[in-house]
Amino acid sequence: MPNRFVLDSYALLGYLQNENFSDRIESALINARIGHDYLYLHAIHLGEAYYIVYRKQGPKIADMAYSRIKAFPITLISRIDEELLLEAAKFKAEFPISYADAFAAAMSTIYKCRLLTGDPEFKRLENANRIRIEWL
């Protein structure tokens, strides 16, 4: 059974910027390519990564980052069904997190997998035993 993870924009951006944890993301991507890991990403996080790169480095670099992420061996979730919508809304209502982060938490719950992140906003959710996190 493959390991299953949700990636958020923190993980994506850190990988693209070669942060100190980028080797962990690289390992997950390699493992996903050979079927040992299964990675999920919501389009909200892809868009968040795009606009952050766009704002800091311009449209050309943002387009390159977008294309690179789209080539990753990741299951991109581009729809928001009712289950995801309501689960994310509950996380947002109960915890002081961004709406995008609420979707990462909701996906982690729905897909019964760990969230790969280093974003400290998720600490409260982990402490409340609402999601499982592998910290970067």
N, C-alpha and C. Protein backbone atom coordinates (compact mmCIF):
# COMPACT_ATOMS: atom_id res chain seq x y z
N MET A 1 0.84 -1.19 0.00
CA MET A 1 0.00 0.00 0.00
C MET A 1 0.89 1.25 0.00
N PRO A 2 0.70 2.13 -0.96
CA PRO A 2 1.53 3.33 -1.02
C PRO A 2 1.25 4.28 0.14
N ASN A 3 2.26 5.05 0.53
CA ASN A 3 2.05 6.15 1.46
C ASN A 3 1.27 7.22 0.72
N ARG A 4 0.39 7.90 1.44
CA ARG A 4 -0.43 8.93 0.80
C ARG A 4 -0.26 10.25 1.54
N PHE A 5 -0.09 11.31 0.76
CA PHE A 5 0.15 12.64 1.31
C PHE A 5 -0.62 13.70 0.54
N VAL A 6 -0.98 14.76 1.24
CA VAL A 6 -1.47 15.98 0.62
C VAL A 6 -0.32 16.98 0.69
N LEU A 7 -0.08 17.67 -0.40
CA LEU A 7 0.90 18.75 -0.43
C LEU A 7 0.16 20.08 -0.39
N ASP A 8 0.74 21.06 0.27
CA ASP A 8 0.19 22.40 0.26
C ASP A 8 1.17 23.34 -0.45
N SER A 9 0.82 24.61 -0.54
CA SER A 9 1.69 25.54 -1.24
C SER A 9 3.02 25.74 -0.52
N TYR A 10 3.04 25.59 0.80
CA TYR A 10 4.29 25.68 1.56
C TYR A 10 5.28 24.63 1.05
N ALA A 11 4.82 23.42 0.89
CA ALA A 11 5.68 22.33 0.40
C ALA A 11 6.13 22.60 -1.04
N LEU A 12 5.21 23.03 -1.88
CA LEU A 12 5.55 23.30 -3.29
C LEU A 12 6.59 24.41 -3.40
N LEU A 13 6.31 25.52 -2.74
CA LEU A 13 7.21 26.67 -2.85
C LEU A 13 8.58 26.35 -2.25
N GLY A 14 8.59 25.66 -1.13
CA GLY A 14 9.87 25.29 -0.52
C GLY A 14 10.69 24.39 -1.42
N TYR A 15 10.01 23.48 -2.10
CA TYR A 15 10.70 22.59 -3.03
C TYR A 15 11.28 23.39 -4.20
N LEU A 16 10.46 24.25 -4.78
CA LEU A 16 10.91 25.05 -5.92
C LEU A 16 12.04 26.00 -5.55
N GLN A 17 12.07 26.45 -4.30
CA GLN A 17 13.09 27.39 -3.84
C GLN A 17 14.27 26.68 -3.17
N ASN A 18 14.27 25.36 -3.26
CA ASN A 18 15.36 24.54 -2.73
C ASN A 18 15.61 24.80 -1.24
N GLU A 19 14.51 24.88 -0.48
CA GLU A 19 14.62 25.02 0.97
C GLU A 19 15.27 23.78 1.57
N ASN A 20 15.62 23.85 2.84
CA ASN A 20 16.35 22.75 3.46
C ASN A 20 15.57 21.43 3.48
N PHE A 21 14.26 21.47 3.31
CA PHE A 21 13.45 20.25 3.31
C PHE A 21 13.14 19.75 1.89
N SER A 22 13.68 20.41 0.88
CA SER A 22 13.32 20.06 -0.49
C SER A 22 13.68 18.62 -0.85
N ASP A 23 14.68 18.07 -0.17
CA ASP A 23 15.03 16.66 -0.44
C ASP A 23 13.89 15.73 -0.02
N ARG A 24 13.11 16.10 0.99
CA ARG A 24 11.97 15.26 1.40
C ARG A 24 10.88 15.28 0.34
N ILE A 25 10.65 16.45 -0.23
CA ILE A 25 9.66 16.55 -1.31
C ILE A 25 10.16 15.80 -2.54
N GLU A 26 11.44 15.95 -2.84
CA GLU A 26 12.04 15.21 -3.97
C GLU A 26 11.84 13.71 -3.80
N SER A 27 12.08 13.23 -2.59
CA SER A 27 11.90 11.81 -2.29
C SER A 27 10.44 11.38 -2.51
N ALA A 28 9.51 12.18 -2.05
CA ALA A 28 8.08 11.87 -2.24
C ALA A 28 7.72 11.85 -3.72
N LEU A 29 8.27 12.78 -4.49
CA LEU A 29 8.00 12.82 -5.93
C LEU A 29 8.58 11.59 -6.64
N ILE A 30 9.78 11.22 -6.26
CA ILE A 30 10.39 10.02 -6.85
C ILE A 30 9.56 8.79 -6.49
N ASN A 31 9.19 8.69 -5.21
CA ASN A 31 8.38 7.55 -4.76
C ASN A 31 7.01 7.53 -5.43
N ALA A 32 6.44 8.70 -5.70
CA ALA A 32 5.16 8.76 -6.40
C ALA A 32 5.31 8.29 -7.84
N ARG A 33 6.41 8.66 -8.45
CA ARG A 33 6.64 8.26 -9.85
C ARG A 33 6.74 6.73 -9.99
N ILE A 34 7.26 6.07 -8.96
CA ILE A 34 7.39 4.60 -9.03
C ILE A 34 6.27 3.87 -8.28
N GLY A 35 5.29 4.63 -7.78
CA GLY A 35 4.13 4.01 -7.17
C GLY A 35 4.23 3.71 -5.68
N HIS A 36 5.28 4.17 -5.03
CA HIS A 36 5.42 3.93 -3.59
C HIS A 36 4.73 4.98 -2.73
N ASP A 37 4.52 6.16 -3.28
CA ASP A 37 3.78 7.23 -2.60
C ASP A 37 2.67 7.68 -3.53
N TYR A 38 1.63 8.25 -2.93
CA TYR A 38 0.54 8.81 -3.69
C TYR A 38 0.36 10.23 -3.19
N LEU A 39 0.43 11.21 -4.07
CA LEU A 39 0.41 12.61 -3.68
C LEU A 39 -0.82 13.32 -4.24
N TYR A 40 -1.46 14.11 -3.39
CA TYR A 40 -2.62 14.91 -3.78
C TYR A 40 -2.28 16.39 -3.67
N LEU A 41 -2.84 17.16 -4.56
CA LEU A 41 -2.68 18.60 -4.53
C LEU A 41 -3.98 19.20 -5.04
N HIS A 42 -4.51 20.19 -4.32
CA HIS A 42 -5.69 20.87 -4.82
C HIS A 42 -5.26 22.05 -5.70
N ALA A 43 -6.07 22.33 -6.69
CA ALA A 43 -5.78 23.44 -7.60
C ALA A 43 -5.66 24.77 -6.85
N ILE A 44 -6.34 24.90 -5.72
CA ILE A 44 -6.21 26.12 -4.91
C ILE A 44 -4.75 26.34 -4.51
N HIS A 45 -4.06 25.27 -4.15
CA HIS A 45 -2.66 25.39 -3.73
C HIS A 45 -1.73 25.63 -4.91
N LEU A 46 -2.07 25.06 -6.05
CA LEU A 46 -1.32 25.35 -7.26
C LEU A 46 -1.46 26.83 -7.62
N GLY A 47 -2.68 27.34 -7.53
CA GLY A 47 -2.91 28.76 -7.80
C GLY A 47 -2.23 29.66 -6.78
N GLU A 48 -2.22 29.23 -5.54
CA GLU A 48 -1.55 30.01 -4.50
C GLU A 48 -0.04 30.07 -4.77
N ALA A 49 0.54 28.95 -5.11
CA ALA A 49 1.97 28.94 -5.44
C ALA A 49 2.25 29.83 -6.65
N TYR A 50 1.37 29.75 -7.64
CA TYR A 50 1.55 30.55 -8.86
C TYR A 50 1.54 32.05 -8.53
N TYR A 51 0.52 32.49 -7.77
CA TYR A 51 0.44 33.94 -7.52
C TYR A 51 1.58 34.43 -6.65
N ILE A 52 2.07 33.59 -5.73
CA ILE A 52 3.20 34.01 -4.89
C ILE A 52 4.47 34.16 -5.74
N VAL A 53 4.72 33.20 -6.61
CA VAL A 53 5.90 33.30 -7.50
C VAL A 53 5.72 34.48 -8.46
N TYR A 54 4.53 34.64 -8.99
CA TYR A 54 4.24 35.75 -9.90
C TYR A 54 4.54 37.09 -9.23
N ARG A 55 4.06 37.27 -8.02
CA ARG A 55 4.24 38.53 -7.31
C ARG A 55 5.71 38.79 -6.99
N LYS A 56 6.45 37.74 -6.63
CA LYS A 56 7.85 37.92 -6.21
C LYS A 56 8.84 37.90 -7.37
N GLN A 57 8.54 37.09 -8.42
CA GLN A 57 9.53 36.89 -9.47
C GLN A 57 9.03 37.19 -10.88
N GLY A 58 7.74 37.50 -11.00
CA GLY A 58 7.21 37.88 -12.30
C GLY A 58 6.53 36.74 -13.04
N PRO A 59 5.83 37.10 -14.12
CA PRO A 59 5.02 36.12 -14.84
C PRO A 59 5.80 35.01 -15.53
N LYS A 60 6.96 35.31 -16.05
CA LYS A 60 7.74 34.30 -16.76
C LYS A 60 8.16 33.17 -15.81
N ILE A 61 8.68 33.51 -14.66
CA ILE A 61 9.11 32.51 -13.67
C ILE A 61 7.88 31.78 -13.11
N ALA A 62 6.79 32.53 -12.91
CA ALA A 62 5.56 31.90 -12.41
C ALA A 62 5.04 30.86 -13.40
N ASP A 63 5.08 31.18 -14.69
CA ASP A 63 4.65 30.23 -15.71
C ASP A 63 5.55 28.98 -15.72
N MET A 64 6.84 29.19 -15.55
CA MET A 64 7.77 28.04 -15.51
C MET A 64 7.48 27.17 -14.27
N ALA A 65 7.26 27.80 -13.12
CA ALA A 65 6.96 27.06 -11.90
C ALA A 65 5.66 26.28 -12.06
N TYR A 66 4.67 26.91 -12.66
CA TYR A 66 3.38 26.26 -12.90
C TYR A 66 3.55 25.01 -13.77
N SER A 67 4.27 25.17 -14.86
CA SER A 67 4.50 24.03 -15.76
C SER A 67 5.26 22.91 -15.07
N ARG A 68 6.22 23.28 -14.27
CA ARG A 68 7.01 22.28 -13.54
C ARG A 68 6.13 21.50 -12.56
N ILE A 69 5.31 22.22 -11.81
CA ILE A 69 4.43 21.56 -10.83
C ILE A 69 3.43 20.65 -11.55
N LYS A 70 2.87 21.12 -12.67
CA LYS A 70 1.90 20.31 -13.42
C LYS A 70 2.51 19.01 -13.93
N ALA A 71 3.84 18.97 -14.09
CA ALA A 71 4.51 17.76 -14.57
C ALA A 71 4.82 16.78 -13.43
N PHE A 72 4.64 17.22 -12.18
CA PHE A 72 4.91 16.32 -11.04
C PHE A 72 3.93 15.15 -11.06
N PRO A 73 4.35 14.01 -10.51
CA PRO A 73 3.45 12.84 -10.42
C PRO A 73 2.48 12.99 -9.24
N ILE A 74 1.56 13.92 -9.41
CA ILE A 74 0.62 14.30 -8.36
C ILE A 74 -0.79 14.20 -8.91
N THR A 75 -1.72 13.77 -8.09
CA THR A 75 -3.12 13.82 -8.46
C THR A 75 -3.63 15.21 -8.14
N LEU A 76 -3.94 15.96 -9.17
CA LEU A 76 -4.42 17.33 -9.02
C LEU A 76 -5.94 17.29 -8.90
N ILE A 77 -6.43 17.79 -7.79
CA ILE A 77 -7.87 17.87 -7.56
C ILE A 77 -8.30 19.27 -7.97
N SER A 78 -9.14 19.37 -8.97
CA SER A 78 -9.52 20.68 -9.47
C SER A 78 -10.97 21.03 -9.17
N ARG A 79 -11.69 20.11 -8.59
CA ARG A 79 -13.09 20.37 -8.27
C ARG A 79 -13.26 20.52 -6.76
N ILE A 80 -14.33 21.16 -6.40
CA ILE A 80 -14.71 21.26 -4.99
C ILE A 80 -16.10 20.64 -4.88
N ASP A 81 -16.13 19.38 -4.43
CA ASP A 81 -17.43 18.77 -4.23
C ASP A 81 -17.97 19.16 -2.85
N GLU A 82 -19.17 18.76 -2.57
CA GLU A 82 -19.82 19.18 -1.33
C GLU A 82 -19.09 18.69 -0.09
N GLU A 83 -18.58 17.47 -0.13
CA GLU A 83 -17.85 16.94 1.03
C GLU A 83 -16.61 17.78 1.33
N LEU A 84 -15.84 18.10 0.29
CA LEU A 84 -14.64 18.92 0.47
C LEU A 84 -15.00 20.33 0.93
N LEU A 85 -16.01 20.90 0.31
CA LEU A 85 -16.46 22.24 0.67
C LEU A 85 -16.82 22.33 2.15
N LEU A 86 -17.65 21.40 2.61
CA LEU A 86 -18.11 21.46 4.00
C LEU A 86 -17.00 21.15 4.99
N GLU A 87 -16.14 20.20 4.66
CA GLU A 87 -15.03 19.88 5.56
C GLU A 87 -14.08 21.06 5.68
N ALA A 88 -13.77 21.71 4.57
CA ALA A 88 -12.90 22.89 4.60
C ALA A 88 -13.56 24.02 5.39
N ALA A 89 -14.85 24.22 5.19
CA ALA A 89 -15.56 25.28 5.90
C ALA A 89 -15.54 25.03 7.41
N LYS A 90 -15.66 23.78 7.81
CA LYS A 90 -15.61 23.45 9.25
C LYS A 90 -14.23 23.76 9.83
N PHE A 91 -13.18 23.40 9.10
CA PHE A 91 -11.82 23.72 9.58
C PHE A 91 -11.64 25.24 9.70
N LYS A 92 -12.11 25.97 8.71
CA LYS A 92 -11.97 27.43 8.72
C LYS A 92 -12.77 28.03 9.88
N ALA A 93 -13.94 27.48 10.17
CA ALA A 93 -14.77 27.99 11.26
C ALA A 93 -14.16 27.71 12.63
N GLU A 94 -13.48 26.57 12.76
CA GLU A 94 -12.98 26.14 14.07
C GLU A 94 -11.55 26.58 14.38
N PHE A 95 -10.78 26.91 13.36
CA PHE A 95 -9.36 27.21 13.56
C PHE A 95 -8.98 28.49 12.82
N PRO A 96 -8.02 29.24 13.35
CA PRO A 96 -7.57 30.47 12.68
C PRO A 96 -6.55 30.15 11.57
N ILE A 97 -7.05 29.61 10.47
CA ILE A 97 -6.20 29.26 9.33
C ILE A 97 -6.76 29.92 8.08
N SER A 98 -5.92 30.00 7.05
CA SER A 98 -6.38 30.55 5.79
C SER A 98 -7.37 29.57 5.14
N TYR A 99 -8.17 30.10 4.23
CA TYR A 99 -9.13 29.24 3.55
C TYR A 99 -8.42 28.17 2.72
N ALA A 100 -7.33 28.54 2.07
CA ALA A 100 -6.56 27.55 1.30
C ALA A 100 -6.05 26.45 2.22
N ASP A 101 -5.54 26.81 3.39
CA ASP A 101 -5.06 25.81 4.34
C ASP A 101 -6.20 24.92 4.82
N ALA A 102 -7.39 25.48 4.93
CA ALA A 102 -8.55 24.68 5.32
C ALA A 102 -8.81 23.57 4.30
N PHE A 103 -8.56 23.86 3.03
CA PHE A 103 -8.73 22.84 1.99
C PHE A 103 -7.67 21.75 2.10
N ALA A 104 -6.44 22.12 2.41
CA ALA A 104 -5.39 21.11 2.60
C ALA A 104 -5.76 20.20 3.77
N ALA A 105 -6.23 20.78 4.87
CA ALA A 105 -6.63 19.99 6.03
C ALA A 105 -7.81 19.08 5.68
N ALA A 106 -8.77 19.63 4.96
CA ALA A 106 -9.94 18.84 4.57
C ALA A 106 -9.55 17.66 3.68
N MET A 107 -8.66 17.90 2.72
CA MET A 107 -8.21 16.81 1.85
C MET A 107 -7.49 15.75 2.65
N SER A 108 -6.68 16.17 3.60
CA SER A 108 -5.98 15.23 4.45
C SER A 108 -6.96 14.32 5.20
N THR A 109 -8.04 14.91 5.66
CA THR A 109 -9.07 14.15 6.37
C THR A 109 -9.83 13.23 5.43
N ILE A 110 -10.29 13.77 4.33
CA ILE A 110 -11.11 13.00 3.38
C ILE A 110 -10.33 11.84 2.78
N TYR A 111 -9.07 12.09 2.40
CA TYR A 111 -8.27 11.04 1.77
C TYR A 111 -7.50 10.19 2.77
N LYS A 112 -7.72 10.49 4.06
CA LYS A 112 -7.10 9.72 5.15
C LYS A 112 -5.59 9.58 4.96
N CYS A 113 -4.95 10.74 4.83
CA CYS A 113 -3.51 10.73 4.64
C CYS A 113 -2.87 11.89 5.39
N ARG A 114 -1.56 11.89 5.40
CA ARG A 114 -0.82 12.94 6.09
C ARG A 114 -0.64 14.15 5.18
N LEU A 115 -0.54 15.29 5.84
CA LEU A 115 -0.23 16.54 5.15
C LEU A 115 1.27 16.77 5.26
N LEU A 116 1.92 16.99 4.12
CA LEU A 116 3.34 17.34 4.09
C LEU A 116 3.43 18.86 4.09
N THR A 117 3.87 19.43 5.19
CA THR A 117 3.92 20.89 5.30
C THR A 117 4.90 21.31 6.38
N GLY A 118 5.25 22.56 6.36
CA GLY A 118 6.02 23.16 7.43
C GLY A 118 5.32 24.40 7.94
N ASP A 119 4.10 24.63 7.45
CA ASP A 119 3.33 25.82 7.80
C ASP A 119 2.84 25.71 9.25
N PRO A 120 3.30 26.61 10.12
CA PRO A 120 2.94 26.52 11.54
C PRO A 120 1.45 26.72 11.81
N GLU A 121 0.68 27.22 10.84
CA GLU A 121 -0.77 27.36 11.03
C GLU A 121 -1.43 26.02 11.33
N PHE A 122 -0.82 24.93 10.90
CA PHE A 122 -1.43 23.61 11.06
C PHE A 122 -1.17 22.99 12.44
N LYS A 123 -0.31 23.60 13.22
CA LYS A 123 0.05 23.03 14.53
C LYS A 123 -1.18 22.83 15.41
N ARG A 124 -2.09 23.80 15.43
CA ARG A 124 -3.29 23.69 16.25
C ARG A 124 -4.17 22.52 15.82
N LEU A 125 -4.24 22.28 14.53
CA LEU A 125 -5.05 21.17 14.03
C LEU A 125 -4.45 19.83 14.44
N GLU A 126 -3.12 19.77 14.37
CA GLU A 126 -2.44 18.55 14.80
C GLU A 126 -2.62 18.35 16.31
N ASN A 127 -2.47 19.42 17.08
CA ASN A 127 -2.62 19.32 18.53
C ASN A 127 -4.04 18.90 18.93
N ALA A 128 -5.01 19.26 18.13
CA ALA A 128 -6.40 18.88 18.38
C ALA A 128 -6.72 17.49 17.81
N ASN A 129 -5.71 16.81 17.28
CA ASN A 129 -5.87 15.49 16.67
C ASN A 129 -6.88 15.48 15.53
N ARG A 130 -6.90 16.57 14.77
CA ARG A 130 -7.81 16.66 13.64
C ARG A 130 -7.17 16.20 12.34
N ILE A 131 -5.84 16.38 12.22
CA ILE A 131 -5.13 15.91 11.03
C ILE A 131 -3.77 15.34 11.44
N ARG A 132 -3.22 14.53 10.55
CA ARG A 132 -1.88 14.00 10.75
C ARG A 132 -0.94 14.76 9.82
N ILE A 133 0.22 15.13 10.36
CA ILE A 133 1.17 15.95 9.60
C ILE A 133 2.54 15.29 9.62
N GLU A 134 3.19 15.34 8.48
CA GLU A 134 4.61 15.07 8.43
C GLU A 134 5.27 16.44 8.25
N TRP A 135 5.96 16.89 9.27
CA TRP A 135 6.53 18.23 9.26
C TRP A 135 7.79 18.29 8.41
N LEU A 136 7.86 19.33 7.62
CA LEU A 136 9.03 19.59 6.78
C LEU A 136 9.97 20.52 7.52
